[in-house]
């Protein structure tokens, strides 16, 4: 993984944080043009779920909404991964107006009732998802 300065702007998003989780996976928090943050956990080819496009029940904000490669992140960070992700653009979530302005995006359809999920909130959810991707956790899920 490249060492990158954050925030790192790409054409379609801003990578606010990237890190190695305690389980050894790649964690990435991004801010989108829509004003919401998304969290991703990237696993390498040795992981049993690498290439698995199925969405499974995970205890993470809004559930898993992304399961595939992500060329934009892979190129920016110098990694090759299969990403499992979630977004903070669900009912009850609102755009982060301040970050939208800071990153130079144009805010569309700002909802006023709800919570703008912070970078730290997304990082905490990434860590939660990462722990659920360990082989031990996957085995326990299959057994239950």
N, C-alpha and C. Protein backbone atom coordinates (compact mmCIF):
# COMPACT_ATOMS: atom_id res chain seq x y z
N UNK A 1 0.84 -1.17 0.00
CA UNK A 1 0.00 0.00 0.00
C UNK A 1 0.89 1.23 0.00
N UNK A 2 0.55 2.17 -0.88
CA UNK A 2 1.28 3.43 -0.93
C UNK A 2 1.01 4.23 0.35
N UNK A 3 1.99 5.03 0.73
CA UNK A 3 1.74 6.01 1.78
C UNK A 3 1.16 7.22 1.07
N UNK A 4 -0.04 7.61 1.47
CA UNK A 4 -0.71 8.73 0.81
C UNK A 4 -1.04 9.81 1.83
N UNK A 5 -1.04 11.02 1.35
CA UNK A 5 -1.47 12.13 2.20
C UNK A 5 -2.99 12.21 2.14
N UNK A 6 -3.58 12.48 3.26
CA UNK A 6 -5.04 12.56 3.32
C UNK A 6 -5.46 13.98 3.66
N UNK A 7 -6.52 14.49 3.13
CA UNK A 7 -7.40 13.81 2.20
C UNK A 7 -6.77 13.72 0.80
N UNK A 8 -7.11 12.65 0.09
CA UNK A 8 -6.63 12.41 -1.26
C UNK A 8 -7.81 12.51 -2.21
N UNK A 9 -7.77 13.50 -3.09
CA UNK A 9 -8.87 13.73 -4.02
C UNK A 9 -8.68 12.88 -5.28
N UNK A 10 -9.76 12.23 -5.71
CA UNK A 10 -9.80 11.57 -7.01
C UNK A 10 -10.88 12.28 -7.81
N UNK A 11 -11.18 11.78 -8.98
CA UNK A 11 -12.19 12.42 -9.82
C UNK A 11 -13.59 12.36 -9.21
N UNK A 12 -13.88 11.32 -8.44
CA UNK A 12 -15.26 11.13 -8.00
C UNK A 12 -15.45 11.12 -6.48
N UNK A 13 -14.36 11.14 -5.74
CA UNK A 13 -14.48 11.06 -4.28
C UNK A 13 -13.22 11.58 -3.62
N UNK A 14 -13.30 11.67 -2.30
CA UNK A 14 -12.14 12.06 -1.50
C UNK A 14 -11.86 10.92 -0.52
N UNK A 15 -10.63 10.41 -0.55
CA UNK A 15 -10.23 9.40 0.43
C UNK A 15 -9.79 10.17 1.67
N UNK A 16 -10.61 10.06 2.72
CA UNK A 16 -10.30 10.80 3.95
C UNK A 16 -9.30 10.06 4.82
N UNK A 17 -9.40 8.76 4.88
CA UNK A 17 -8.47 7.95 5.68
C UNK A 17 -8.30 6.59 5.02
N UNK A 18 -7.09 6.08 5.08
CA UNK A 18 -6.83 4.69 4.72
C UNK A 18 -5.88 4.14 5.77
N UNK A 19 -6.09 2.88 6.13
CA UNK A 19 -5.31 2.30 7.22
C UNK A 19 -5.39 0.78 7.15
N UNK A 20 -4.51 0.14 7.88
CA UNK A 20 -4.54 -1.31 8.02
C UNK A 20 -5.31 -1.60 9.31
N UNK A 21 -6.34 -2.43 9.22
CA UNK A 21 -7.13 -2.76 10.40
C UNK A 21 -6.34 -3.71 11.31
N UNK A 22 -6.83 -3.91 12.51
CA UNK A 22 -6.18 -4.83 13.45
C UNK A 22 -6.11 -6.24 12.87
N UNK A 23 -7.05 -6.57 12.00
CA UNK A 23 -7.09 -7.92 11.39
C UNK A 23 -6.19 -8.02 10.16
N UNK A 24 -5.56 -6.91 9.76
CA UNK A 24 -4.65 -6.93 8.62
C UNK A 24 -5.31 -6.61 7.28
N UNK A 25 -6.53 -6.12 7.29
CA UNK A 25 -7.23 -5.75 6.06
C UNK A 25 -7.05 -4.26 5.80
N UNK A 26 -7.44 -3.82 4.62
CA UNK A 26 -7.34 -2.42 4.26
C UNK A 26 -8.65 -1.71 4.60
N UNK A 27 -8.58 -0.68 5.40
CA UNK A 27 -9.75 0.12 5.73
C UNK A 27 -9.67 1.45 5.01
N UNK A 28 -10.78 1.86 4.41
CA UNK A 28 -10.80 3.12 3.66
C UNK A 28 -12.10 3.86 3.96
N UNK A 29 -11.98 5.12 4.36
CA UNK A 29 -13.13 6.01 4.55
C UNK A 29 -13.11 7.02 3.42
N UNK A 30 -14.21 7.10 2.66
CA UNK A 30 -14.29 8.05 1.56
C UNK A 30 -15.46 9.00 1.76
N UNK A 31 -15.32 10.16 1.15
CA UNK A 31 -16.39 11.16 1.12
C UNK A 31 -16.80 11.29 -0.33
N UNK A 32 -18.10 11.20 -0.59
CA UNK A 32 -18.59 11.19 -1.97
C UNK A 32 -19.12 12.55 -2.40
N UNK A 33 -19.30 12.71 -3.70
CA UNK A 33 -19.87 13.93 -4.26
C UNK A 33 -21.27 14.21 -3.74
N UNK A 34 -21.96 13.18 -3.28
CA UNK A 34 -23.32 13.33 -2.77
C UNK A 34 -23.34 13.89 -1.34
N UNK A 35 -22.15 14.02 -0.72
CA UNK A 35 -22.08 14.58 0.62
C UNK A 35 -22.11 13.57 1.74
N UNK A 36 -22.05 12.28 1.39
CA UNK A 36 -22.07 11.21 2.40
C UNK A 36 -20.73 10.49 2.43
N UNK A 37 -20.47 9.86 3.54
CA UNK A 37 -19.28 9.03 3.66
C UNK A 37 -19.63 7.56 3.44
N UNK A 38 -18.64 6.83 2.99
CA UNK A 38 -18.76 5.38 2.83
C UNK A 38 -17.53 4.75 3.45
N UNK A 39 -17.68 3.53 3.92
CA UNK A 39 -16.56 2.79 4.48
C UNK A 39 -16.35 1.50 3.74
N UNK A 40 -15.10 1.13 3.57
CA UNK A 40 -14.75 -0.09 2.85
C UNK A 40 -13.68 -0.87 3.60
N UNK A 41 -13.80 -2.18 3.54
CA UNK A 41 -12.75 -3.07 4.01
C UNK A 41 -12.31 -3.89 2.82
N UNK A 42 -11.02 -3.82 2.50
CA UNK A 42 -10.47 -4.55 1.37
C UNK A 42 -9.72 -5.79 1.83
N UNK A 43 -10.01 -6.90 1.16
CA UNK A 43 -9.32 -8.16 1.46
C UNK A 43 -8.53 -8.58 0.22
N UNK A 44 -7.43 -9.29 0.44
CA UNK A 44 -6.61 -9.72 -0.70
C UNK A 44 -7.06 -11.09 -1.21
N UNK A 45 -6.37 -11.57 -2.22
CA UNK A 45 -6.76 -12.82 -2.90
C UNK A 45 -6.75 -14.04 -2.00
N UNK A 46 -6.05 -13.99 -0.89
CA UNK A 46 -6.00 -15.15 -0.01
C UNK A 46 -7.24 -15.28 0.87
N UNK A 47 -8.06 -14.26 0.92
CA UNK A 47 -9.25 -14.27 1.78
C UNK A 47 -10.33 -15.15 1.17
N UNK A 48 -11.05 -15.94 1.99
CA UNK A 48 -12.08 -16.84 1.45
C UNK A 48 -13.23 -16.13 0.75
N UNK A 49 -13.46 -14.85 1.03
CA UNK A 49 -14.55 -14.14 0.37
C UNK A 49 -14.08 -13.27 -0.80
N UNK A 50 -12.80 -13.35 -1.14
CA UNK A 50 -12.30 -12.58 -2.28
C UNK A 50 -13.07 -13.01 -3.53
N UNK A 51 -13.65 -12.06 -4.23
CA UNK A 51 -14.40 -12.36 -5.44
C UNK A 51 -15.85 -12.73 -5.21
N UNK A 52 -16.28 -12.76 -3.95
CA UNK A 52 -17.66 -13.12 -3.62
C UNK A 52 -18.53 -11.87 -3.70
N UNK A 53 -19.40 -11.83 -4.69
CA UNK A 53 -20.25 -10.67 -4.89
C UNK A 53 -21.54 -10.69 -4.11
N UNK A 54 -21.73 -11.70 -3.29
CA UNK A 54 -22.97 -11.78 -2.51
C UNK A 54 -22.94 -10.76 -1.37
N UNK A 55 -24.10 -10.22 -1.09
CA UNK A 55 -24.25 -9.34 0.06
C UNK A 55 -24.71 -10.19 1.22
N UNK A 56 -24.07 -10.06 2.35
CA UNK A 56 -24.42 -10.87 3.50
C UNK A 56 -24.73 -9.95 4.67
N UNK A 57 -25.42 -10.52 5.62
CA UNK A 57 -25.80 -9.75 6.81
C UNK A 57 -24.56 -9.42 7.62
N UNK A 58 -24.32 -8.15 7.79
CA UNK A 58 -23.20 -7.72 8.62
C UNK A 58 -23.71 -6.66 9.58
N UNK A 59 -23.15 -6.65 10.75
CA UNK A 59 -23.50 -5.65 11.75
C UNK A 59 -22.66 -4.40 11.48
N UNK A 60 -23.13 -3.61 10.51
CA UNK A 60 -22.46 -2.38 10.11
C UNK A 60 -23.54 -1.42 9.63
N UNK A 61 -23.27 -0.14 9.69
CA UNK A 61 -24.26 0.89 9.36
C UNK A 61 -24.93 0.62 8.00
N UNK A 62 -26.22 0.35 8.03
CA UNK A 62 -26.98 0.13 6.80
C UNK A 62 -26.73 -1.20 6.12
N UNK A 63 -25.87 -2.04 6.68
CA UNK A 63 -25.54 -3.32 6.06
C UNK A 63 -24.56 -3.17 4.90
N UNK A 64 -24.14 -4.29 4.36
CA UNK A 64 -23.22 -4.31 3.22
C UNK A 64 -23.97 -3.82 1.98
N UNK A 65 -23.44 -2.80 1.33
CA UNK A 65 -24.05 -2.29 0.10
C UNK A 65 -23.08 -2.35 -1.08
N UNK A 66 -21.89 -2.89 -0.85
CA UNK A 66 -20.87 -2.94 -1.91
C UNK A 66 -20.03 -4.19 -1.71
N UNK A 67 -19.83 -4.95 -2.79
CA UNK A 67 -19.00 -6.16 -2.72
C UNK A 67 -18.40 -6.43 -4.09
N UNK A 68 -17.23 -5.81 -4.33
CA UNK A 68 -16.53 -6.00 -5.61
C UNK A 68 -15.22 -5.22 -5.56
N UNK A 69 -14.48 -5.26 -6.65
CA UNK A 69 -13.28 -4.44 -6.76
C UNK A 69 -13.66 -2.97 -6.86
N UNK A 70 -12.68 -2.08 -6.66
CA UNK A 70 -12.96 -0.64 -6.72
C UNK A 70 -11.71 0.01 -7.32
N UNK A 71 -11.69 0.12 -8.65
CA UNK A 71 -10.51 0.57 -9.37
C UNK A 71 -10.00 1.92 -8.88
N UNK A 72 -10.90 2.84 -8.60
CA UNK A 72 -10.51 4.18 -8.15
C UNK A 72 -9.67 4.10 -6.87
N UNK A 73 -10.11 3.29 -5.91
CA UNK A 73 -9.37 3.14 -4.66
C UNK A 73 -8.08 2.37 -4.88
N UNK A 74 -8.16 1.30 -5.67
CA UNK A 74 -6.97 0.48 -5.91
C UNK A 74 -5.86 1.29 -6.56
N UNK A 75 -6.21 2.10 -7.55
CA UNK A 75 -5.20 2.94 -8.22
C UNK A 75 -4.63 3.99 -7.28
N UNK A 76 -5.49 4.65 -6.53
CA UNK A 76 -5.05 5.72 -5.63
C UNK A 76 -4.15 5.20 -4.52
N UNK A 77 -4.45 4.00 -4.02
CA UNK A 77 -3.72 3.46 -2.87
C UNK A 77 -2.64 2.43 -3.25
N UNK A 78 -2.60 2.04 -4.51
CA UNK A 78 -1.59 1.07 -4.95
C UNK A 78 -1.82 -0.32 -4.40
N UNK A 79 -3.08 -0.74 -4.34
CA UNK A 79 -3.44 -2.06 -3.82
C UNK A 79 -4.38 -2.75 -4.79
N UNK A 80 -4.51 -4.07 -4.63
CA UNK A 80 -5.52 -4.84 -5.35
C UNK A 80 -6.32 -5.58 -4.30
N UNK A 81 -7.60 -5.28 -4.24
CA UNK A 81 -8.45 -5.85 -3.19
C UNK A 81 -9.85 -6.14 -3.71
N UNK A 82 -10.54 -6.94 -2.94
CA UNK A 82 -11.99 -7.08 -3.06
C UNK A 82 -12.55 -6.30 -1.88
N UNK A 83 -13.43 -5.35 -2.16
CA UNK A 83 -13.92 -4.48 -1.11
C UNK A 83 -15.34 -4.84 -0.69
N UNK A 84 -15.55 -4.81 0.61
CA UNK A 84 -16.87 -4.91 1.21
C UNK A 84 -17.14 -3.53 1.80
N UNK A 85 -18.27 -2.93 1.42
CA UNK A 85 -18.50 -1.57 1.86
C UNK A 85 -19.92 -1.30 2.31
N UNK A 86 -20.06 -0.18 2.95
CA UNK A 86 -21.34 0.31 3.43
C UNK A 86 -21.37 1.81 3.18
N UNK A 87 -22.57 2.36 3.13
CA UNK A 87 -22.67 3.80 2.91
C UNK A 87 -23.49 4.45 4.01
N UNK A 88 -23.29 5.73 4.16
CA UNK A 88 -24.02 6.52 5.15
C UNK A 88 -24.96 7.48 4.44
N UNK A 89 -25.70 6.92 3.50
CA UNK A 89 -26.68 7.67 2.74
C UNK A 89 -28.05 7.06 2.84
N UNK A 90 -28.38 6.54 4.01
CA UNK A 90 -29.66 5.87 4.23
C UNK A 90 -30.65 6.83 4.90
N UNK A 91 -31.88 6.36 5.06
CA UNK A 91 -32.87 7.13 5.80
C UNK A 91 -32.28 7.46 7.18
N UNK A 92 -32.39 8.70 7.56
CA UNK A 92 -31.83 9.13 8.84
C UNK A 92 -30.43 9.70 8.73
N UNK A 93 -29.78 9.51 7.57
CA UNK A 93 -28.47 10.09 7.32
C UNK A 93 -28.65 11.35 6.49
N UNK A 94 -27.84 12.35 6.74
CA UNK A 94 -27.88 13.56 5.93
C UNK A 94 -26.46 13.89 5.44
N UNK A 95 -26.35 14.65 4.36
CA UNK A 95 -25.03 15.05 3.88
C UNK A 95 -24.28 15.89 4.91
N UNK A 96 -22.98 15.80 4.89
CA UNK A 96 -22.12 16.64 5.72
C UNK A 96 -21.86 17.91 4.92
N UNK A 97 -22.61 18.94 5.22
CA UNK A 97 -22.57 20.19 4.46
C UNK A 97 -21.18 20.83 4.52
N UNK A 98 -20.58 20.86 5.70
CA UNK A 98 -19.26 21.50 5.86
C UNK A 98 -18.19 20.78 5.03
N UNK A 99 -18.17 19.46 5.08
CA UNK A 99 -17.18 18.70 4.31
C UNK A 99 -17.43 18.83 2.81
N UNK A 100 -18.70 18.89 2.43
CA UNK A 100 -19.03 19.06 1.01
C UNK A 100 -18.42 20.36 0.48
N UNK A 101 -18.57 21.42 1.24
CA UNK A 101 -17.98 22.71 0.84
C UNK A 101 -16.45 22.64 0.87
N UNK A 102 -15.90 22.05 1.94
CA UNK A 102 -14.45 21.95 2.09
C UNK A 102 -13.80 21.25 0.90
N UNK A 103 -14.43 20.18 0.43
CA UNK A 103 -13.86 19.39 -0.66
C UNK A 103 -14.25 19.90 -2.04
N UNK A 104 -15.04 20.98 -2.10
CA UNK A 104 -15.36 21.59 -3.39
C UNK A 104 -16.45 20.90 -4.18
N UNK A 105 -17.27 20.11 -3.52
CA UNK A 105 -18.40 19.48 -4.20
C UNK A 105 -19.61 20.39 -4.10
N UNK A 106 -20.51 20.25 -5.06
CA UNK A 106 -21.75 21.01 -5.05
C UNK A 106 -22.82 20.17 -4.37
N UNK A 107 -23.39 20.71 -3.31
CA UNK A 107 -24.40 19.97 -2.57
C UNK A 107 -25.73 20.00 -3.30
N UNK A 108 -26.29 18.81 -3.48
CA UNK A 108 -27.60 18.67 -4.11
C UNK A 108 -28.53 18.01 -3.11
N UNK A 109 -29.75 18.49 -3.03
CA UNK A 109 -30.78 17.85 -2.20
C UNK A 109 -30.34 17.66 -0.75
N UNK A 110 -30.05 18.72 -0.06
CA UNK A 110 -29.65 18.63 1.34
C UNK A 110 -30.87 18.35 2.22
N UNK A 111 -30.83 17.27 2.92
CA UNK A 111 -31.88 16.91 3.87
C UNK A 111 -31.48 17.47 5.23
N UNK A 112 -32.43 17.96 5.96
CA UNK A 112 -32.10 18.62 7.22
C UNK A 112 -32.38 17.77 8.45
N UNK A 113 -33.17 16.73 8.30
CA UNK A 113 -33.52 15.90 9.45
C UNK A 113 -32.73 14.60 9.42
N UNK A 114 -31.83 14.46 10.34
CA UNK A 114 -31.02 13.25 10.40
C UNK A 114 -29.65 13.57 10.96
N UNK A 115 -28.72 12.66 10.70
CA UNK A 115 -27.36 12.78 11.24
C UNK A 115 -26.35 12.68 10.11
N UNK A 116 -25.44 13.63 10.07
CA UNK A 116 -24.29 13.54 9.16
C UNK A 116 -23.24 12.68 9.85
N UNK A 117 -22.90 11.56 9.25
CA UNK A 117 -21.96 10.62 9.87
C UNK A 117 -20.53 11.13 9.70
N UNK A 118 -19.81 11.21 10.78
CA UNK A 118 -18.44 11.76 10.78
C UNK A 118 -17.43 10.74 10.28
N UNK A 119 -16.26 11.25 9.98
CA UNK A 119 -15.15 10.38 9.58
C UNK A 119 -14.87 9.35 10.68
N UNK A 120 -14.85 9.80 11.93
CA UNK A 120 -14.57 8.87 13.03
C UNK A 120 -15.65 7.80 13.15
N UNK A 121 -16.90 8.18 12.95
CA UNK A 121 -17.99 7.19 12.98
C UNK A 121 -17.75 6.12 11.92
N UNK A 122 -17.40 6.54 10.72
CA UNK A 122 -17.17 5.57 9.63
C UNK A 122 -15.96 4.70 9.93
N UNK A 123 -14.90 5.27 10.46
CA UNK A 123 -13.72 4.48 10.83
C UNK A 123 -14.10 3.42 11.86
N UNK A 124 -14.89 3.80 12.86
CA UNK A 124 -15.32 2.82 13.87
C UNK A 124 -16.15 1.70 13.24
N UNK A 125 -17.00 2.03 12.27
CA UNK A 125 -17.80 1.02 11.57
C UNK A 125 -16.92 0.12 10.70
N UNK A 126 -15.89 0.70 10.08
CA UNK A 126 -14.94 -0.08 9.29
C UNK A 126 -14.26 -1.13 10.18
N UNK A 127 -13.85 -0.71 11.35
CA UNK A 127 -13.20 -1.64 12.29
C UNK A 127 -14.16 -2.76 12.70
N UNK A 128 -15.42 -2.40 12.90
CA UNK A 128 -16.44 -3.40 13.25
C UNK A 128 -16.61 -4.42 12.11
N UNK A 129 -16.68 -3.90 10.88
CA UNK A 129 -16.82 -4.79 9.72
C UNK A 129 -15.59 -5.66 9.54
N UNK A 130 -14.43 -5.09 9.71
CA UNK A 130 -13.19 -5.85 9.56
C UNK A 130 -13.16 -7.05 10.51
N UNK A 131 -13.57 -6.85 11.75
CA UNK A 131 -13.59 -7.95 12.72
C UNK A 131 -14.54 -9.07 12.29
N UNK A 132 -15.59 -8.72 11.54
CA UNK A 132 -16.55 -9.72 11.07
C UNK A 132 -16.05 -10.49 9.85
N UNK A 133 -14.94 -10.05 9.27
CA UNK A 133 -14.40 -10.71 8.08
C UNK A 133 -13.29 -11.71 8.38
N UNK A 134 -12.93 -11.89 9.64
CA UNK A 134 -11.89 -12.85 9.96
C UNK A 134 -12.40 -14.27 9.67
N UNK A 135 -11.52 -15.18 9.32
CA UNK A 135 -11.96 -16.56 9.08
C UNK A 135 -12.72 -17.14 10.27
N UNK A 136 -12.32 -16.81 11.49
CA UNK A 136 -13.01 -17.31 12.68
C UNK A 136 -14.44 -16.78 12.73
N UNK A 137 -14.62 -15.50 12.45
CA UNK A 137 -15.97 -14.92 12.45
C UNK A 137 -16.83 -15.51 11.35
N UNK A 138 -16.23 -15.74 10.20
CA UNK A 138 -16.98 -16.33 9.08
C UNK A 138 -17.44 -17.74 9.42
N UNK A 139 -16.56 -18.50 10.07
CA UNK A 139 -16.92 -19.87 10.47
C UNK A 139 -18.07 -19.85 11.49
N UNK A 140 -17.99 -18.95 12.44
CA UNK A 140 -19.03 -18.86 13.46
C UNK A 140 -20.37 -18.46 12.82
N UNK A 141 -20.32 -17.58 11.82
CA UNK A 141 -21.54 -17.17 11.13
C UNK A 141 -22.18 -18.35 10.40
N UNK A 142 -21.34 -19.18 9.76
CA UNK A 142 -21.84 -20.36 9.05
C UNK A 142 -22.48 -21.36 10.01
N UNK A 143 -21.92 -21.45 11.21
CA UNK A 143 -22.42 -22.44 12.18
C UNK A 143 -23.73 -21.99 12.84
N UNK A 144 -24.00 -20.70 12.83
CA UNK A 144 -25.21 -20.24 13.54
C UNK A 144 -26.44 -20.24 12.63
